[in-house]
Amino acid sequence: MCIKYRWVALDAENQALEQSKLTATQYEPEVLSNGDTLRQLLARSRYALYKKTSDWTSTQQERVRLLFTRYPDLQTAYELS
């Protein structure tokens, strides 16, 4: 599921870049509260999803909180595993 969301985020970012080129404007991706873009959030949270919650670092906790807020079905899948 995470891979699917990552590809969707990549496609959306590529479309936004193309649109900004056509309109001659500067593209600025959405930056989340931890400093990651959505694409970075999906890529960097990968290893945290393989760990138990008790083994997460503080950075991973913040990253996973943002991920689960945006994608609640990933939280459901994580809790089932």
N, C-alpha and C. Protein backbone atom coordinates (compact mmCIF):
# COMPACT_ATOMS: atom_id res chain seq x y z
N MET A 1 0.82 -1.19 0.00
CA MET A 1 0.00 0.00 0.00
C MET A 1 0.87 1.26 0.00
N CYS A 2 1.93 1.20 0.76
CA CYS A 2 2.81 2.37 0.86
C CYS A 2 3.46 2.66 -0.49
N ILE A 3 3.82 1.62 -1.21
CA ILE A 3 4.43 1.80 -2.53
C ILE A 3 3.43 2.44 -3.49
N LYS A 4 2.18 2.00 -3.41
CA LYS A 4 1.15 2.58 -4.27
C LYS A 4 0.97 4.07 -3.98
N TYR A 5 0.92 4.43 -2.70
CA TYR A 5 0.78 5.84 -2.34
C TYR A 5 2.00 6.64 -2.77
N ARG A 6 3.16 6.03 -2.71
CA ARG A 6 4.37 6.73 -3.13
C ARG A 6 4.33 7.03 -4.63
N TRP A 7 3.89 6.07 -5.42
CA TRP A 7 3.79 6.31 -6.87
C TRP A 7 2.75 7.38 -7.17
N VAL A 8 1.66 7.40 -6.45
CA VAL A 8 0.64 8.43 -6.63
C VAL A 8 1.23 9.80 -6.30
N ALA A 9 2.00 9.88 -5.21
CA ALA A 9 2.62 11.15 -4.83
C ALA A 9 3.64 11.59 -5.88
N LEU A 10 4.42 10.64 -6.41
CA LEU A 10 5.38 10.97 -7.46
C LEU A 10 4.69 11.49 -8.71
N ASP A 11 3.61 10.82 -9.11
CA ASP A 11 2.87 11.27 -10.29
C ASP A 11 2.28 12.66 -10.08
N ALA A 12 1.73 12.90 -8.89
CA ALA A 12 1.15 14.22 -8.61
C ALA A 12 2.22 15.30 -8.62
N GLU A 13 3.39 14.99 -8.08
CA GLU A 13 4.47 15.97 -8.07
C GLU A 13 4.98 16.23 -9.49
N ASN A 14 5.09 15.18 -10.30
CA ASN A 14 5.51 15.37 -11.69
C ASN A 14 4.52 16.22 -12.48
N GLN A 15 3.22 15.99 -12.25
CA GLN A 15 2.21 16.80 -12.92
C GLN A 15 2.30 18.25 -12.47
N ALA A 16 2.53 18.47 -11.18
CA ALA A 16 2.64 19.84 -10.68
C ALA A 16 3.87 20.52 -11.25
N LEU A 17 4.96 19.78 -11.41
CA LEU A 17 6.16 20.35 -12.03
C LEU A 17 5.91 20.73 -13.48
N GLU A 18 5.25 19.86 -14.21
CA GLU A 18 4.91 20.16 -15.61
C GLU A 18 4.01 21.38 -15.71
N GLN A 19 3.03 21.47 -14.81
CA GLN A 19 2.12 22.61 -14.81
C GLN A 19 2.86 23.90 -14.50
N SER A 20 3.81 23.82 -13.57
CA SER A 20 4.56 25.03 -13.24
C SER A 20 5.46 25.46 -14.40
N LYS A 21 5.96 24.51 -15.18
CA LYS A 21 6.75 24.87 -16.35
C LYS A 21 5.89 25.56 -17.40
N LEU A 22 4.67 25.06 -17.57
CA LEU A 22 3.76 25.65 -18.56
C LEU A 22 3.34 27.07 -18.17
N THR A 23 3.16 27.30 -16.89
CA THR A 23 2.71 28.61 -16.44
C THR A 23 3.86 29.52 -16.03
N ALA A 24 5.10 29.01 -16.14
CA ALA A 24 6.31 29.77 -15.82
C ALA A 24 6.29 30.27 -14.38
N THR A 25 5.87 29.40 -13.48
CA THR A 25 5.88 29.72 -12.06
C THR A 25 6.82 28.75 -11.34
N GLN A 26 7.20 29.13 -10.14
CA GLN A 26 8.09 28.30 -9.33
C GLN A 26 7.26 27.24 -8.61
N TYR A 27 7.67 25.99 -8.72
CA TYR A 27 6.97 24.91 -8.01
C TYR A 27 7.51 24.78 -6.60
N GLU A 28 6.63 24.81 -5.63
CA GLU A 28 7.00 24.65 -4.23
C GLU A 28 6.17 23.51 -3.66
N PRO A 29 6.80 22.36 -3.37
CA PRO A 29 6.04 21.23 -2.81
C PRO A 29 5.59 21.53 -1.39
N GLU A 30 4.53 20.86 -0.97
CA GLU A 30 4.03 21.01 0.39
C GLU A 30 5.06 20.44 1.35
N VAL A 31 5.44 21.22 2.33
CA VAL A 31 6.40 20.77 3.34
C VAL A 31 5.64 20.53 4.63
N LEU A 32 5.79 19.33 5.18
CA LEU A 32 5.08 18.95 6.39
C LEU A 32 5.80 19.51 7.62
N SER A 33 5.21 19.34 8.79
CA SER A 33 5.75 19.94 10.01
C SER A 33 7.13 19.42 10.39
N ASN A 34 7.51 18.23 9.95
CA ASN A 34 8.84 17.70 10.27
C ASN A 34 9.87 18.06 9.20
N GLY A 35 9.48 18.80 8.17
CA GLY A 35 10.41 19.24 7.14
C GLY A 35 10.42 18.36 5.91
N ASP A 36 9.69 17.26 5.92
CA ASP A 36 9.62 16.35 4.77
C ASP A 36 8.53 16.80 3.81
N THR A 37 8.75 16.49 2.54
CA THR A 37 7.65 16.60 1.58
C THR A 37 6.87 15.30 1.65
N LEU A 38 5.75 15.24 0.98
CA LEU A 38 4.94 14.03 1.01
C LEU A 38 5.70 12.85 0.42
N ARG A 39 6.43 13.10 -0.64
CA ARG A 39 7.23 12.04 -1.27
C ARG A 39 8.31 11.54 -0.31
N GLN A 40 8.96 12.44 0.39
CA GLN A 40 9.99 12.05 1.35
C GLN A 40 9.39 11.31 2.54
N LEU A 41 8.21 11.75 2.98
CA LEU A 41 7.55 11.09 4.09
C LEU A 41 7.27 9.64 3.77
N LEU A 42 6.75 9.39 2.59
CA LEU A 42 6.44 8.02 2.20
C LEU A 42 7.69 7.16 2.05
N ALA A 43 8.77 7.75 1.57
CA ALA A 43 10.01 6.99 1.39
C ALA A 43 10.71 6.75 2.73
N ARG A 44 10.74 7.74 3.57
CA ARG A 44 11.51 7.65 4.81
C ARG A 44 10.80 6.90 5.93
N SER A 45 9.50 6.73 5.83
CA SER A 45 8.77 6.01 6.87
C SER A 45 8.79 4.51 6.65
N ARG A 46 9.40 4.08 5.58
CA ARG A 46 9.41 2.67 5.21
C ARG A 46 9.98 1.79 6.33
N TYR A 47 11.13 2.16 6.86
CA TYR A 47 11.79 1.33 7.86
C TYR A 47 11.06 1.34 9.20
N ALA A 48 10.41 2.43 9.51
CA ALA A 48 9.65 2.51 10.76
C ALA A 48 8.48 1.53 10.75
N LEU A 49 7.93 1.29 9.58
CA LEU A 49 6.79 0.39 9.48
C LEU A 49 7.19 -1.08 9.67
N TYR A 50 8.48 -1.36 9.58
CA TYR A 50 8.97 -2.72 9.81
C TYR A 50 9.29 -2.97 11.29
N LYS A 51 9.30 -1.91 12.10
CA LYS A 51 9.66 -2.02 13.50
C LYS A 51 8.43 -2.04 14.40
N LYS A 52 8.64 -2.49 15.63
CA LYS A 52 7.60 -2.37 16.65
C LYS A 52 7.52 -0.91 17.09
N THR A 53 6.39 -0.52 17.58
CA THR A 53 6.22 0.87 18.02
C THR A 53 7.19 1.23 19.14
N SER A 54 7.51 0.29 19.98
CA SER A 54 8.41 0.57 21.10
C SER A 54 9.84 0.81 20.63
N ASP A 55 10.19 0.39 19.43
CA ASP A 55 11.54 0.55 18.90
C ASP A 55 11.73 1.80 18.05
N TRP A 56 10.68 2.59 17.85
CA TRP A 56 10.77 3.79 17.03
C TRP A 56 11.58 4.86 17.73
N THR A 57 12.38 5.59 16.95
CA THR A 57 13.06 6.76 17.47
C THR A 57 12.06 7.92 17.49
N SER A 58 12.44 9.03 18.08
CA SER A 58 11.52 10.17 18.15
C SER A 58 11.21 10.71 16.75
N THR A 59 12.21 10.68 15.86
CA THR A 59 11.99 11.12 14.49
C THR A 59 11.01 10.20 13.78
N GLN A 60 11.17 8.91 13.99
CA GLN A 60 10.26 7.94 13.36
C GLN A 60 8.86 8.08 13.92
N GLN A 61 8.73 8.36 15.21
CA GLN A 61 7.41 8.55 15.80
C GLN A 61 6.68 9.72 15.15
N GLU A 62 7.39 10.82 14.96
CA GLU A 62 6.80 12.00 14.31
C GLU A 62 6.43 11.69 12.87
N ARG A 63 7.31 11.01 12.18
CA ARG A 63 7.09 10.68 10.78
C ARG A 63 5.87 9.75 10.63
N VAL A 64 5.79 8.75 11.48
CA VAL A 64 4.68 7.79 11.40
C VAL A 64 3.37 8.46 11.81
N ARG A 65 3.42 9.39 12.78
CA ARG A 65 2.21 10.11 13.16
C ARG A 65 1.66 10.89 11.96
N LEU A 66 2.55 11.57 11.25
CA LEU A 66 2.13 12.31 10.05
C LEU A 66 1.60 11.36 8.98
N LEU A 67 2.27 10.24 8.81
CA LEU A 67 1.87 9.26 7.80
C LEU A 67 0.49 8.69 8.11
N PHE A 68 0.27 8.30 9.37
CA PHE A 68 -1.01 7.70 9.74
C PHE A 68 -2.14 8.73 9.74
N THR A 69 -1.82 9.99 9.98
CA THR A 69 -2.83 11.05 9.90
C THR A 69 -3.31 11.21 8.47
N ARG A 70 -2.37 11.16 7.54
CA ARG A 70 -2.70 11.35 6.14
C ARG A 70 -3.25 10.09 5.48
N TYR A 71 -2.79 8.92 5.92
CA TYR A 71 -3.20 7.65 5.33
C TYR A 71 -3.66 6.69 6.44
N PRO A 72 -4.91 6.82 6.90
CA PRO A 72 -5.37 5.98 8.02
C PRO A 72 -5.42 4.49 7.68
N ASP A 73 -5.56 4.13 6.41
CA ASP A 73 -5.59 2.71 6.08
C ASP A 73 -4.21 2.07 6.24
N LEU A 74 -3.13 2.85 6.16
CA LEU A 74 -1.80 2.34 6.47
C LEU A 74 -1.68 2.02 7.96
N GLN A 75 -2.33 2.83 8.79
CA GLN A 75 -2.32 2.55 10.22
C GLN A 75 -3.07 1.26 10.51
N THR A 76 -4.19 1.07 9.86
CA THR A 76 -4.96 -0.16 10.04
C THR A 76 -4.12 -1.38 9.62
N ALA A 77 -3.45 -1.28 8.49
CA ALA A 77 -2.62 -2.39 8.03
C ALA A 77 -1.45 -2.63 8.98
N TYR A 78 -0.86 -1.56 9.50
CA TYR A 78 0.26 -1.71 10.45
C TYR A 78 -0.22 -2.41 11.71
N GLU A 79 -1.38 -1.99 12.22
CA GLU A 79 -1.90 -2.59 13.44
C GLU A 79 -2.29 -4.05 13.25
N LEU A 80 -2.71 -4.42 12.06
CA LEU A 80 -3.04 -5.81 11.80
C LEU A 80 -1.80 -6.70 11.72
N SER A 81 -0.70 -6.11 11.31
CA SER A 81 0.52 -6.92 11.21
C SER A 81 1.19 -6.98 12.56
